[in-house]
Amino acid sequence: MLMIVDAANVVGSVPDGWWRDRRGAAERLRDRLARRGGEEEIVLVVEGAARGVESVPGVRVDAAPGSGDDRIVELAAAHADRDCVVVTADRALRERVAAYGARCVGPRTVRPEGG
């Protein structure tokens, strides 16, 4: 399974001060995802101030050259032949990736503790 994570949406789902350090918030999310283990391939899509976050074992970071949502749609389209899950609460993005057969789950899937 391929899990594509909308970093901006997941980080923004909890008002924990992430806006003061967007890159640091994306790195914390990346590290949380890396601890998940499991069989899925995880791609964390970052944009804006979070660009420059490095990949780690278990999580490939994809820096969107423009809109993170557009990059997520590109990835879903490129992997339409695979079981693909997109982690986001963005309704418009959910509709866009569904056109390529991707399933969507909310941010609590990867941030259940809210932190």
PDB file of N, CA and C in Angstrom:
ATOM      1  N   MET A   1       0.835  -1.183   0.000  1.00  0.00           N
ATOM      2  CA  MET A   1       0.000   0.000   0.000  1.00  0.00           C
ATOM      3  C   MET A   1       0.879   1.246   0.000  1.00  0.00           C
ATOM      4  N   LEU A   2       0.420   2.252  -0.697  1.00  0.00           N
ATOM      5  CA  LEU A   2       1.085   3.547  -0.721  1.00  0.00           C
ATOM      6  C   LEU A   2       0.259   4.518   0.104  1.00  0.00           C
ATOM      7  N   MET A   3       0.888   5.155   1.097  1.00  0.00           N
ATOM      8  CA  MET A   3       0.231   6.177   1.893  1.00  0.00           C
ATOM      9  C   MET A   3       0.855   7.519   1.556  1.00  0.00           C
ATOM     10  N   ILE A   4       0.036   8.438   1.049  1.00  0.00           N
ATOM     11  CA  ILE A   4       0.492   9.786   0.724  1.00  0.00           C
ATOM     12  C   ILE A   4      -0.082  10.716   1.793  1.00  0.00           C
ATOM     13  N   VAL A   5       0.795  11.428   2.476  1.00  0.00           N
ATOM     14  CA  VAL A   5       0.377  12.270   3.591  1.00  0.00           C
ATOM     15  C   VAL A   5       0.497  13.743   3.209  1.00  0.00           C
ATOM     16  N   ASP A   6      -0.610  14.458   3.355  1.00  0.00           N
ATOM     17  CA  ASP A   6      -0.673  15.896   3.120  1.00  0.00           C
ATOM     18  C   ASP A   6      -0.125  16.580   4.373  1.00  0.00           C
ATOM     19  N   ALA A   7       1.178  16.865   4.375  1.00  0.00           N
ATOM     20  CA  ALA A   7       1.841  17.386   5.571  1.00  0.00           C
ATOM     21  C   ALA A   7       1.185  18.658   6.088  1.00  0.00           C
ATOM     22  N   ALA A   8       0.912  19.608   5.212  1.00  0.00           N
ATOM     23  CA  ALA A   8       0.343  20.885   5.650  1.00  0.00           C
ATOM     24  C   ALA A   8      -1.005  20.684   6.319  1.00  0.00           C
ATOM     25  N   ASN A   9      -1.823  19.813   5.769  1.00  0.00           N
ATOM     26  CA  ASN A   9      -3.151  19.585   6.319  1.00  0.00           C
ATOM     27  C   ASN A   9      -3.080  18.842   7.647  1.00  0.00           C
ATOM     28  N   VAL A  10      -2.234  17.828   7.730  1.00  0.00           N
ATOM     29  CA  VAL A  10      -2.121  17.053   8.968  1.00  0.00           C
ATOM     30  C   VAL A  10      -1.511  17.904  10.073  1.00  0.00           C
ATOM     31  N   VAL A  11      -0.438  18.611   9.776  1.00  0.00           N
ATOM     32  CA  VAL A  11       0.193  19.479  10.773  1.00  0.00           C
ATOM     33  C   VAL A  11      -0.791  20.551  11.230  1.00  0.00           C
ATOM     34  N   GLY A  12      -1.541  21.109  10.291  1.00  0.00           N
ATOM     35  CA  GLY A  12      -2.482  22.170  10.614  1.00  0.00           C
ATOM     36  C   GLY A  12      -3.737  21.710  11.328  1.00  0.00           C
ATOM     37  N   SER A  13      -3.901  20.402  11.497  1.00  0.00           N
ATOM     38  CA  SER A  13      -5.114  19.880  12.132  1.00  0.00           C
ATOM     39  C   SER A  13      -5.114  20.050  13.645  1.00  0.00           C
ATOM     40  N   VAL A  14      -3.964  20.397  14.216  1.00  0.00           N
ATOM     41  CA  VAL A  14      -3.857  20.578  15.665  1.00  0.00           C
ATOM     42  C   VAL A  14      -3.206  21.947  15.926  1.00  0.00           C
ATOM     43  N   PRO A  15      -3.880  22.826  16.651  1.00  0.00           N
ATOM     44  CA  PRO A  15      -3.327  24.161  16.909  1.00  0.00           C
ATOM     45  C   PRO A  15      -2.282  24.137  18.022  1.00  0.00           C
ATOM     46  N   ASP A  16      -1.117  23.590  17.692  1.00  0.00           N
ATOM     47  CA  ASP A  16      -0.061  23.417  18.701  1.00  0.00           C
ATOM     48  C   ASP A  16       1.116  24.371  18.503  1.00  0.00           C
ATOM     49  N   GLY A  17       0.904  25.433  17.731  1.00  0.00           N
ATOM     50  CA  GLY A  17       1.970  26.395  17.475  1.00  0.00           C
ATOM     51  C   GLY A  17       2.800  26.068  16.252  1.00  0.00           C
ATOM     52  N   TRP A  18       2.349  25.131  15.428  1.00  0.00           N
ATOM     53  CA  TRP A  18       3.101  24.701  14.244  1.00  0.00           C
ATOM     54  C   TRP A  18       3.471  25.871  13.341  1.00  0.00           C
ATOM     55  N   TRP A  19       2.667  26.911  13.325  1.00  0.00           N
ATOM     56  CA  TRP A  19       2.889  28.051  12.417  1.00  0.00           C
ATOM     57  C   TRP A  19       4.164  28.819  12.750  1.00  0.00           C
ATOM     58  N   ARG A  20       4.691  28.642  13.956  1.00  0.00           N
ATOM     59  CA  ARG A  20       5.935  29.315  14.320  1.00  0.00           C
ATOM     60  C   ARG A  20       7.165  28.606  13.746  1.00  0.00           C
ATOM     61  N   ASP A  21       6.999  27.321  13.408  1.00  0.00           N
ATOM     62  CA  ASP A  21       8.112  26.536  12.870  1.00  0.00           C
ATOM     63  C   ASP A  21       7.545  25.444  11.967  1.00  0.00           C
ATOM     64  N   ARG A  22       7.161  25.837  10.768  1.00  0.00           N
ATOM     65  CA  ARG A  22       6.520  24.899   9.844  1.00  0.00           C
ATOM     66  C   ARG A  22       7.434  23.732   9.478  1.00  0.00           C
ATOM     67  N   ARG A  23       8.695  24.036   9.270  1.00  0.00           N
ATOM     68  CA  ARG A  23       9.628  22.970   8.915  1.00  0.00           C
ATOM     69  C   ARG A  23       9.799  21.994  10.082  1.00  0.00           C
ATOM     70  N   GLY A  24       9.952  22.515  11.289  1.00  0.00           N
ATOM     71  CA  GLY A  24      10.082  21.657  12.465  1.00  0.00           C
ATOM     72  C   GLY A  24       8.843  20.799  12.679  1.00  0.00           C
ATOM     73  N   ALA A  25       7.661  21.373  12.437  1.00  0.00           N
ATOM     74  CA  ALA A  25       6.420  20.615  12.575  1.00  0.00           C
ATOM     75  C   ALA A  25       6.371  19.478  11.557  1.00  0.00           C
ATOM     76  N   ALA A  26       6.810  19.744  10.330  1.00  0.00           N
ATOM     77  CA  ALA A  26       6.837  18.701   9.297  1.00  0.00           C
ATOM     78  C   ALA A  26       7.851  17.618   9.655  1.00  0.00           C
ATOM     79  N   GLU A  27       8.979  18.005  10.242  1.00  0.00           N
ATOM     80  CA  GLU A  27       9.976  17.011  10.661  1.00  0.00           C
ATOM     81  C   GLU A  27       9.435  16.138  11.781  1.00  0.00           C
ATOM     82  N   ARG A  28       8.701  16.717  12.719  1.00  0.00           N
ATOM     83  CA  ARG A  28       8.111  15.915  13.797  1.00  0.00           C
ATOM     84  C   ARG A  28       7.088  14.934  13.243  1.00  0.00           C
ATOM     85  N   LEU A  29       6.290  15.383  12.263  1.00  0.00           N
ATOM     86  CA  LEU A  29       5.325  14.484  11.630  1.00  0.00           C
ATOM     87  C   LEU A  29       6.058  13.364  10.897  1.00  0.00           C
ATOM     88  N   ARG A  30       7.092  13.723  10.162  1.00  0.00           N
ATOM     89  CA  ARG A  30       7.886  12.714   9.446  1.00  0.00           C
ATOM     90  C   ARG A  30       8.406  11.658  10.413  1.00  0.00           C
ATOM     91  N   ASP A  31       8.935  12.107  11.540  1.00  0.00           N
ATOM     92  CA  ASP A  31       9.496  11.170  12.521  1.00  0.00           C
ATOM     93  C   ASP A  31       8.415  10.286  13.135  1.00  0.00           C
ATOM     94  N   ARG A  32       7.234  10.840  13.375  1.00  0.00           N
ATOM     95  CA  ARG A  32       6.116  10.059  13.899  1.00  0.00           C
ATOM     96  C   ARG A  32       5.718   8.982  12.885  1.00  0.00           C
ATOM     97  N   LEU A  33       5.675   9.362  11.611  1.00  0.00           N
ATOM     98  CA  LEU A  33       5.336   8.406  10.558  1.00  0.00           C
ATOM     99  C   LEU A  33       6.383   7.303  10.463  1.00  0.00           C
ATOM    100  N   ALA A  34       7.651   7.658  10.613  1.00  0.00           N
ATOM    101  CA  ALA A  34       8.735   6.672  10.513  1.00  0.00           C
ATOM    102  C   ALA A  34       8.637   5.634  11.618  1.00  0.00           C
ATOM    103  N   ARG A  35       8.117   6.012  12.773  1.00  0.00           N
ATOM    104  CA  ARG A  35       7.986   5.069  13.891  1.00  0.00           C
ATOM    105  C   ARG A  35       6.822   4.112  13.709  1.00  0.00           C
ATOM    106  N   ARG A  36       5.948   4.370  12.743  1.00  0.00           N
ATOM    107  CA  ARG A  36       4.788   3.509  12.517  1.00  0.00           C
ATOM    108  C   ARG A  36       5.184   2.087  12.145  1.00  0.00           C
ATOM    109  N   GLY A  37       6.279   1.975  11.408  1.00  0.00           N
ATOM    110  CA  GLY A  37       6.643   0.649  10.906  1.00  0.00           C
ATOM    111  C   GLY A  37       5.593   0.200   9.906  1.00  0.00           C
ATOM    112  N   GLY A  38       5.498  -1.074   9.687  1.00  0.00           N
ATOM    113  CA  GLY A  38       4.464  -1.589   8.796  1.00  0.00           C
ATOM    114  C   GLY A  38       4.960  -1.777   7.382  1.00  0.00           C
ATOM    115  N   GLU A  39       4.041  -2.258   6.581  1.00  0.00           N
ATOM    116  CA  GLU A  39       4.361  -2.631   5.206  1.00  0.00           C
ATOM    117  C   GLU A  39       4.136  -1.520   4.197  1.00  0.00           C
ATOM    118  N   GLU A  40       3.444  -0.451   4.606  1.00  0.00           N
ATOM    119  CA  GLU A  40       3.121   0.581   3.626  1.00  0.00           C
ATOM    120  C   GLU A  40       4.348   1.415   3.251  1.00  0.00           C
ATOM    121  N   GLU A  41       4.300   1.913   2.032  1.00  0.00           N
ATOM    122  CA  GLU A  41       5.278   2.897   1.574  1.00  0.00           C
ATOM    123  C   GLU A  41       4.669   4.253   1.909  1.00  0.00           C
ATOM    124  N   ILE A  42       5.419   5.089   2.618  1.00  0.00           N
ATOM    125  CA  ILE A  42       4.893   6.381   3.048  1.00  0.00           C
ATOM    126  C   ILE A  42       5.602   7.509   2.307  1.00  0.00           C
ATOM    127  N   VAL A  43       4.797   8.399   1.717  1.00  0.00           N
ATOM    128  CA  VAL A  43       5.312   9.602   1.065  1.00  0.00           C
ATOM    129  C   VAL A  43       4.688  10.799   1.771  1.00  0.00           C
ATOM    130  N   LEU A  44       5.529  11.651   2.322  1.00  0.00           N
ATOM    131  CA  LEU A  44       5.090  12.864   2.996  1.00  0.00           C
ATOM    132  C   LEU A  44       5.288  14.030   2.039  1.00  0.00           C
ATOM    133  N   VAL A  45       4.207  14.665   1.616  1.00  0.00           N
ATOM    134  CA  VAL A  45       4.296  15.778   0.670  1.00  0.00           C
ATOM    135  C   VAL A  45       4.328  17.082   1.464  1.00  0.00           C
ATOM    136  N   VAL A  46       5.423  17.829   1.269  1.00  0.00           N
ATOM    137  CA  VAL A  46       5.603  19.113   1.948  1.00  0.00           C
ATOM    138  C   VAL A  46       5.606  20.229   0.915  1.00  0.00           C
ATOM    139  N   GLU A  47       5.325  21.439   1.397  1.00  0.00           N
ATOM    140  CA  GLU A  47       5.301  22.607   0.518  1.00  0.00           C
ATOM    141  C   GLU A  47       5.747  23.815   1.313  1.00  0.00           C
ATOM    142  N   GLY A  48       5.980  24.912   0.610  1.00  0.00           N
ATOM    143  CA  GLY A  48       6.287  26.183   1.267  1.00  0.00           C
ATOM    144  C   GLY A  48       7.477  26.100   2.210  1.00  0.00           C
ATOM    145  N   ALA A  49       7.294  26.643   3.412  1.00  0.00           N
ATOM    146  CA  ALA A  49       8.376  26.721   4.399  1.00  0.00           C
ATOM    147  C   ALA A  49       8.875  25.357   4.853  1.00  0.00           C
ATOM    148  N   ALA A  50       8.115  24.303   4.590  1.00  0.00           N
ATOM    149  CA  ALA A  50       8.538  22.956   4.994  1.00  0.00           C
ATOM    150  C   ALA A  50       9.444  22.298   3.953  1.00  0.00           C
ATOM    151  N   ARG A  51       9.631  22.942   2.804  1.00  0.00           N
ATOM    152  CA  ARG A  51      10.551  22.362   1.811  1.00  0.00           C
ATOM    153  C   ARG A  51      11.932  22.267   2.444  1.00  0.00           C
ATOM    154  N   GLY A  52      12.650  21.255   2.114  1.00  0.00           N
ATOM    155  CA  GLY A  52      13.978  21.065   2.676  1.00  0.00           C
ATOM    156  C   GLY A  52      14.006  19.997   3.749  1.00  0.00           C
ATOM    157  N   VAL A  53      12.825  19.529   4.165  1.00  0.00           N
ATOM    158  CA  VAL A  53      12.775  18.413   5.111  1.00  0.00           C
ATOM    159  C   VAL A  53      13.311  17.182   4.386  1.00  0.00           C
ATOM    160  N   GLU A  54      14.213  16.488   5.037  1.00  0.00           N
ATOM    161  CA  GLU A  54      14.874  15.327   4.428  1.00  0.00           C
ATOM    162  C   GLU A  54      14.061  14.046   4.622  1.00  0.00           C
ATOM    163  N   SER A  55      14.231  13.124   3.706  1.00  0.00           N
ATOM    164  CA  SER A  55      13.658  11.787   3.868  1.00  0.00           C
ATOM    165  C   SER A  55      14.415  11.040   4.956  1.00  0.00           C
ATOM    166  N   VAL A  56      13.752  10.067   5.557  1.00  0.00           N
ATOM    167  CA  VAL A  56      14.369   9.179   6.541  1.00  0.00           C
ATOM    168  C   VAL A  56      13.937   7.764   6.200  1.00  0.00           C
ATOM    169  N   PRO A  57      14.616   6.751   6.744  1.00  0.00           N
ATOM    170  CA  PRO A  57      14.167   5.387   6.477  1.00  0.00           C
ATOM    171  C   PRO A  57      12.693   5.216   6.858  1.00  0.00           C
ATOM    172  N   GLY A  58      11.910   4.750   5.910  1.00  0.00           N
ATOM    173  CA  GLY A  58      10.492   4.520   6.139  1.00  0.00           C
ATOM    174  C   GLY A  58       9.586   5.640   5.659  1.00  0.00           C
ATOM    175  N   VAL A  59      10.152   6.819   5.395  1.00  0.00           N
ATOM    176  CA  VAL A  59       9.338   7.944   4.920  1.00  0.00           C
ATOM    177  C   VAL A  59      10.115   8.710   3.847  1.00  0.00           C
ATOM    178  N   ARG A  60       9.539   8.733   2.650  1.00  0.00           N
ATOM    179  CA  ARG A  60      10.117   9.539   1.581  1.00  0.00           C
ATOM    180  C   ARG A  60       9.428  10.888   1.598  1.00  0.00           C
ATOM    181  N   VAL A  61      10.210  11.948   1.677  1.00  0.00           N
ATOM    182  CA  VAL A  61       9.662  13.299   1.664  1.00  0.00           C
ATOM    183  C   VAL A  61       9.710  13.818   0.234  1.00  0.00           C
ATOM    184  N   ASP A  62       8.571  14.303  -0.231  1.00  0.00           N
ATOM    185  CA  ASP A  62       8.441  14.842  -1.583  1.00  0.00           C
ATOM    186  C   ASP A  62       8.113  16.323  -1.454  1.00  0.00           C
ATOM    187  N   ALA A  63       9.052  17.169  -1.844  1.00  0.00           N
ATOM    188  CA  ALA A  63       8.846  18.617  -1.773  1.00  0.00           C
ATOM    189  C   ALA A  63       8.123  19.081  -3.029  1.00  0.00           C
ATOM    190  N   ALA A  64       6.896  19.525  -2.863  1.00  0.00           N
ATOM    191  CA  ALA A  64       6.104  19.990  -4.003  1.00  0.00           C
ATOM    192  C   ALA A  64       6.723  21.266  -4.559  1.00  0.00           C
ATOM    193  N   PRO A  65       6.935  21.331  -5.867  1.00  0.00           N
ATOM    194  CA  PRO A  65       7.501  22.541  -6.452  1.00  0.00           C
ATOM    195  C   PRO A  65       6.530  23.720  -6.405  1.00  0.00           C
ATOM    196  N   GLY A  66       5.255  23.424  -6.277  1.00  0.00           N
ATOM    197  CA  GLY A  66       4.219  24.458  -6.191  1.00  0.00           C
ATOM    198  C   GLY A  66       3.226  24.042  -5.128  1.00  0.00           C
ATOM    199  N   SER A  67       2.007  23.822  -5.548  1.00  0.00           N
ATOM    200  CA  SER A  67       0.936  23.419  -4.639  1.00  0.00           C
ATOM    201  C   SER A  67       1.128  21.982  -4.161  1.00  0.00           C
ATOM    202  N   GLY A  68       1.047  21.793  -2.860  1.00  0.00           N
ATOM    203  CA  GLY A  68       1.123  20.446  -2.305  1.00  0.00           C
ATOM    204  C   GLY A  68      -0.042  19.595  -2.778  1.00  0.00           C
ATOM    205  N   ASP A  69      -1.226  20.195  -2.868  1.00  0.00           N
ATOM    206  CA  ASP A  69      -2.393  19.443  -3.329  1.00  0.00           C
ATOM    207  C   ASP A  69      -2.189  18.942  -4.751  1.00  0.00           C
ATOM    208  N   ASP A  70      -1.659  19.796  -5.621  1.00  0.00           N
ATOM    209  CA  ASP A  70      -1.417  19.374  -7.000  1.00  0.00           C
ATOM    210  C   ASP A  70      -0.425  18.221  -7.048  1.00  0.00           C
ATOM    211  N   ARG A  71       0.609  18.265  -6.216  1.00  0.00           N
ATOM    212  CA  ARG A  71       1.595  17.187  -6.198  1.00  0.00           C
ATOM    213  C   ARG A  71       0.980  15.884  -5.696  1.00  0.00           C
ATOM    214  N   ILE A  72       0.115  15.980  -4.698  1.00  0.00           N
ATOM    215  CA  ILE A  72      -0.559  14.781  -4.181  1.00  0.00           C
ATOM    216  C   ILE A  72      -1.426  14.158  -5.267  1.00  0.00           C
ATOM    217  N   VAL A  73      -2.129  14.972  -6.022  1.00  0.00           N
ATOM    218  CA  VAL A  73      -2.947  14.456  -7.124  1.00  0.00           C
ATOM    219  C   VAL A  73      -2.060  13.791  -8.176  1.00  0.00           C
ATOM    220  N   GLU A  74      -0.922  14.405  -8.495  1.00  0.00           N
ATOM    221  CA  GLU A  74       0.012  13.799  -9.447  1.00  0.00           C
ATOM    222  C   GLU A  74       0.474  12.424  -8.962  1.00  0.00           C
ATOM    223  N   LEU A  75       0.801  12.322  -7.692  1.00  0.00           N
ATOM    224  CA  LEU A  75       1.247  11.040  -7.140  1.00  0.00           C
ATOM    225  C   LEU A  75       0.135  10.001  -7.169  1.00  0.00           C
ATOM    226  N   ALA A  76      -1.077  10.410  -6.803  1.00  0.00           N
ATOM    227  CA  ALA A  76      -2.212   9.476  -6.840  1.00  0.00           C
ATOM    228  C   ALA A  76      -2.458   8.990  -8.265  1.00  0.00           C
ATOM    229  N   ALA A  77      -2.356   9.892  -9.231  1.00  0.00           N
ATOM    230  CA  ALA A  77      -2.557   9.515 -10.631  1.00  0.00           C
ATOM    231  C   ALA A  77      -1.463   8.568 -11.101  1.00  0.00           C
ATOM    232  N   ALA A  78      -0.233   8.834 -10.711  1.00  0.00           N
ATOM    233  CA  ALA A  78       0.896   7.994 -11.137  1.00  0.00           C
ATOM    234  C   ALA A  78       0.831   6.598 -10.529  1.00  0.00           C
ATOM    235  N   HIS A  79       0.116   6.466  -9.413  1.00  0.00           N
ATOM    236  CA  HIS A  79       0.030   5.173  -8.730  1.00  0.00           C
ATOM    237  C   HIS A  79      -1.399   4.656  -8.696  1.00  0.00           C
ATOM    238  N   ALA A  80      -2.181   4.997  -9.712  1.00  0.00           N
ATOM    239  CA  ALA A  80      -3.578   4.581  -9.770  1.00  0.00           C
ATOM    240  C   ALA A  80      -3.732   3.063  -9.822  1.00  0.00           C
ATOM    241  N   ASP A  81      -2.661   2.364 -10.183  1.00  0.00           N
ATOM    242  CA  ASP A  81      -2.705   0.903 -10.266  1.00  0.00           C
ATOM    243  C   ASP A  81      -2.411   0.229  -8.922  1.00  0.00           C
ATOM    244  N   ARG A  82      -2.166   1.011  -7.876  1.00  0.00           N
ATOM    245  CA  ARG A  82      -1.823   0.483  -6.553  1.00  0.00           C
ATOM    246  C   ARG A  82      -2.909   0.829  -5.543  1.00  0.00           C
ATOM    247  N   ASP A  83      -2.882   0.127  -4.430  1.00  0.00           N
ATOM    248  CA  ASP A  83      -3.715   0.493  -3.287  1.00  0.00           C
ATOM    249  C   ASP A  83      -3.106   1.761  -2.708  1.00  0.00           C
ATOM    250  N   CYS A  84      -3.839   2.855  -2.779  1.00  0.00           N
ATOM    251  CA  CYS A  84      -3.313   4.162  -2.383  1.00  0.00           C
ATOM    252  C   CYS A  84      -4.260   4.818  -1.394  1.00  0.00           C
ATOM    253  N   VAL A  85      -3.699   5.305  -0.297  1.00  0.00           N
ATOM    254  CA  VAL A  85      -4.457   6.027   0.719  1.00  0.00           C
ATOM    255  C   VAL A  85      -3.850   7.417   0.850  1.00  0.00           C
ATOM    256  N   VAL A  86      -4.694   8.441   0.836  1.00  0.00           N
ATOM    257  CA  VAL A  86      -4.254   9.821   1.026  1.00  0.00           C
ATOM    258  C   VAL A  86      -4.752  10.279   2.389  1.00  0.00           C
ATOM    259  N   VAL A  87      -3.842  10.807   3.189  1.00  0.00           N
ATOM    260  CA  VAL A  87      -4.183  11.311   4.514  1.00  0.00           C
ATOM    261  C   VAL A  87      -4.367  12.820   4.417  1.00  0.00           C
ATOM    262  N   THR A  88      -5.627  13.256   4.521  1.00  0.00           N
ATOM    263  CA  THR A  88      -5.968  14.680   4.456  1.00  0.00           C
ATOM    264  C   THR A  88      -7.403  14.868   4.909  1.00  0.00           C
ATOM    265  N   ALA A  89      -7.713  16.064   5.373  1.00  0.00           N
ATOM    266  CA  ALA A  89      -9.094  16.429   5.683  1.00  0.00           C
ATOM    267  C   ALA A  89      -9.632  17.404   4.634  1.00  0.00           C
ATOM    268  N   ASP A  90      -8.823  17.725   3.653  1.00  0.00           N
ATOM    269  CA  ASP A  90      -9.188  18.686   2.609  1.00  0.00           C
ATOM    270  C   ASP A  90     -10.218  18.053   1.667  1.00  0.00           C
ATOM    271  N   ARG A  91     -11.446  18.537   1.724  1.00  0.00           N
ATOM    272  CA  ARG A  91     -12.528  17.943   0.922  1.00  0.00           C
ATOM    273  C   ARG A  91     -12.273  18.007  -0.574  1.00  0.00           C
ATOM    274  N   ALA A  92     -11.794  19.139  -1.049  1.00  0.00           N
ATOM    275  CA  ALA A  92     -11.539  19.277  -2.482  1.00  0.00           C
ATOM    276  C   ALA A  92     -10.450  18.306  -2.935  1.00  0.00           C
ATOM    277  N   LEU A  93      -9.408  18.169  -2.127  1.00  0.00           N
ATOM    278  CA  LEU A  93      -8.334  17.239  -2.462  1.00  0.00           C
ATOM    279  C   LEU A  93      -8.853  15.805  -2.445  1.00  0.00           C
ATOM    280  N   ARG A  94      -9.682  15.475  -1.479  1.00  0.00           N
ATOM    281  CA  ARG A  94     -10.266  14.126  -1.417  1.00  0.00           C
ATOM    282  C   ARG A  94     -11.005  13.792  -2.708  1.00  0.00           C
ATOM    283  N   GLU A  95     -11.775  14.739  -3.204  1.00  0.00           N
ATOM    284  CA  GLU A  95     -12.513  14.525  -4.457  1.00  0.00           C
ATOM    285  C   GLU A  95     -11.560  14.341  -5.630  1.00  0.00           C
ATOM    286  N   ARG A  96     -10.506  15.126  -5.668  1.00  0.00           N
ATOM    287  CA  ARG A  96      -9.554  15.053  -6.785  1.00  0.00           C
ATOM    288  C   ARG A  96      -8.845  13.705  -6.829  1.00  0.00           C
ATOM    289  N   VAL A  97      -8.392  13.196  -5.685  1.00  0.00           N
ATOM    290  CA  VAL A  97      -7.657  11.930  -5.696  1.00  0.00           C
ATOM    291  C   VAL A  97      -8.579  10.726  -5.851  1.00  0.00           C
ATOM    292  N   ALA A  98      -9.833  10.877  -5.445  1.00  0.00           N
ATOM    293  CA  ALA A  98     -10.794   9.782  -5.608  1.00  0.00           C
ATOM    294  C   ALA A  98     -10.971   9.438  -7.081  1.00  0.00           C
ATOM    295  N   ALA A  99     -10.784  10.425  -7.950  1.00  0.00           N
ATOM    296  CA  ALA A  99     -10.892  10.194  -9.390  1.00  0.00           C
ATOM    297  C   ALA A  99      -9.857   9.177  -9.871  1.00  0.00           C
ATOM    298  N   TYR A 100      -8.796   8.977  -9.098  1.00  0.00           N
ATOM    299  CA  TYR A 100      -7.742   8.018  -9.453  1.00  0.00           C
ATOM    300  C   TYR A 100      -7.802   6.767  -8.588  1.00  0.00           C
ATOM    301  N   GLY A 101      -8.893   6.591  -7.867  1.00  0.00           N
ATOM    302  CA  GLY A 101      -9.090   5.383  -7.072  1.00  0.00           C
ATOM    303  C   GLY A 101      -8.470   5.420  -5.686  1.00  0.00           C
ATOM    304  N   ALA A 102      -7.918   6.557  -5.275  1.00  0.00           N
ATOM    305  CA  ALA A 102      -7.306   6.642  -3.944  1.00  0.00           C
ATOM    306  C   ALA A 102      -8.390   6.716  -2.872  1.00  0.00           C
ATOM    307  N   ARG A 103      -8.147   6.043  -1.777  1.00  0.00           N
ATOM    308  CA  ARG A 103      -9.010   6.152  -0.590  1.00  0.00           C
ATOM    309  C   ARG A 103      -8.449   7.271   0.265  1.00  0.00           C
ATOM    310  N   CYS A 104      -9.291   7.876   1.070  1.00  0.00           N
ATOM    311  CA  CYS A 104      -8.841   8.967   1.932  1.00  0.00           C
ATOM    312  C   CYS A 104      -9.190   8.679   3.382  1.00  0.00           C
ATOM    313  N   VAL A 105      -8.290   9.089   4.254  1.00  0.00           N
ATOM    314  CA  VAL A 105      -8.504   9.012   5.694  1.00  0.00           C
ATOM    315  C   VAL A 105      -8.103  10.356   6.282  1.00  0.00           C
ATOM    316  N   GLY A 106      -8.602  10.643   7.468  1.00  0.00           N
ATOM    317  CA  GLY A 106      -8.337  11.915   8.099  1.00  0.00           C
ATOM    318  C   GLY A 106      -7.018  11.958   8.847  1.00  0.00           C
ATOM    319  N   PRO A 107      -6.619  13.166   9.262  1.00  0.00           N
ATOM    320  CA  PRO A 107      -5.356  13.361   9.971  1.00  0.00           C
ATOM    321  C   PRO A 107      -5.212  12.540  11.243  1.00  0.00           C
ATOM    322  N   ARG A 108      -6.308  12.239  11.924  1.00  0.00           N
ATOM    323  CA  ARG A 108      -6.219  11.461  13.172  1.00  0.00           C
ATOM    324  C   ARG A 108      -5.666  10.062  12.938  1.00  0.00           C
ATOM    325  N   THR A 109      -5.681   9.624  11.707  1.00  0.00           N
ATOM    326  CA  THR A 109      -5.095   8.320  11.390  1.00  0.00           C
ATOM    327  C   THR A 109      -3.611   8.294  11.725  1.00  0.00           C
ATOM    328  N   VAL A 110      -2.938   9.432  11.539  1.00  0.00           N
ATOM    329  CA  VAL A 110      -1.496   9.489  11.800  1.00  0.00           C
ATOM    330  C   VAL A 110      -1.158  10.394  12.976  1.00  0.00           C
ATOM    331  N   ARG A 111      -2.158  11.102  13.518  1.00  0.00           N
ATOM    332  CA  ARG A 111      -1.952  11.968  14.696  1.00  0.00           C
ATOM    333  C   ARG A 111      -3.061  11.702  15.715  1.00  0.00           C
ATOM    334  N   PRO A 112      -3.227  10.450  16.114  1.00  0.00           N
ATOM    335  CA  PRO A 112      -4.358  10.118  16.991  1.00  0.00           C
ATOM    336  C   PRO A 112      -4.305  10.819  18.345  1.00  0.00           C
ATOM    337  N   GLU A 113      -3.112  11.101  18.812  1.00  0.00           N
ATOM    338  CA  GLU A 113      -2.972  11.727  20.120  1.00  0.00           C
ATOM    339  C   GLU A 113      -3.145  13.231  20.044  1.00  0.00           C
ATOM    340  N   GLY A 114      -3.317  13.764  18.810  1.00  0.00           N
ATOM    341  CA  GLY A 114      -3.512  15.189  18.656  1.00  0.00           C
ATOM    342  C   GLY A 114      -2.233  15.980  18.791  1.00  0.00           C
ATOM    343  N   GLY A 115      -1.119  15.313  18.866  1.00  0.00           N
ATOM    344  CA  GLY A 115       0.125  16.044  19.040  1.00  0.00           C
ATOM    345  C   GLY A 115       1.098  15.812  17.951  1.00  0.00           C
TER     346      GLY A 115
END
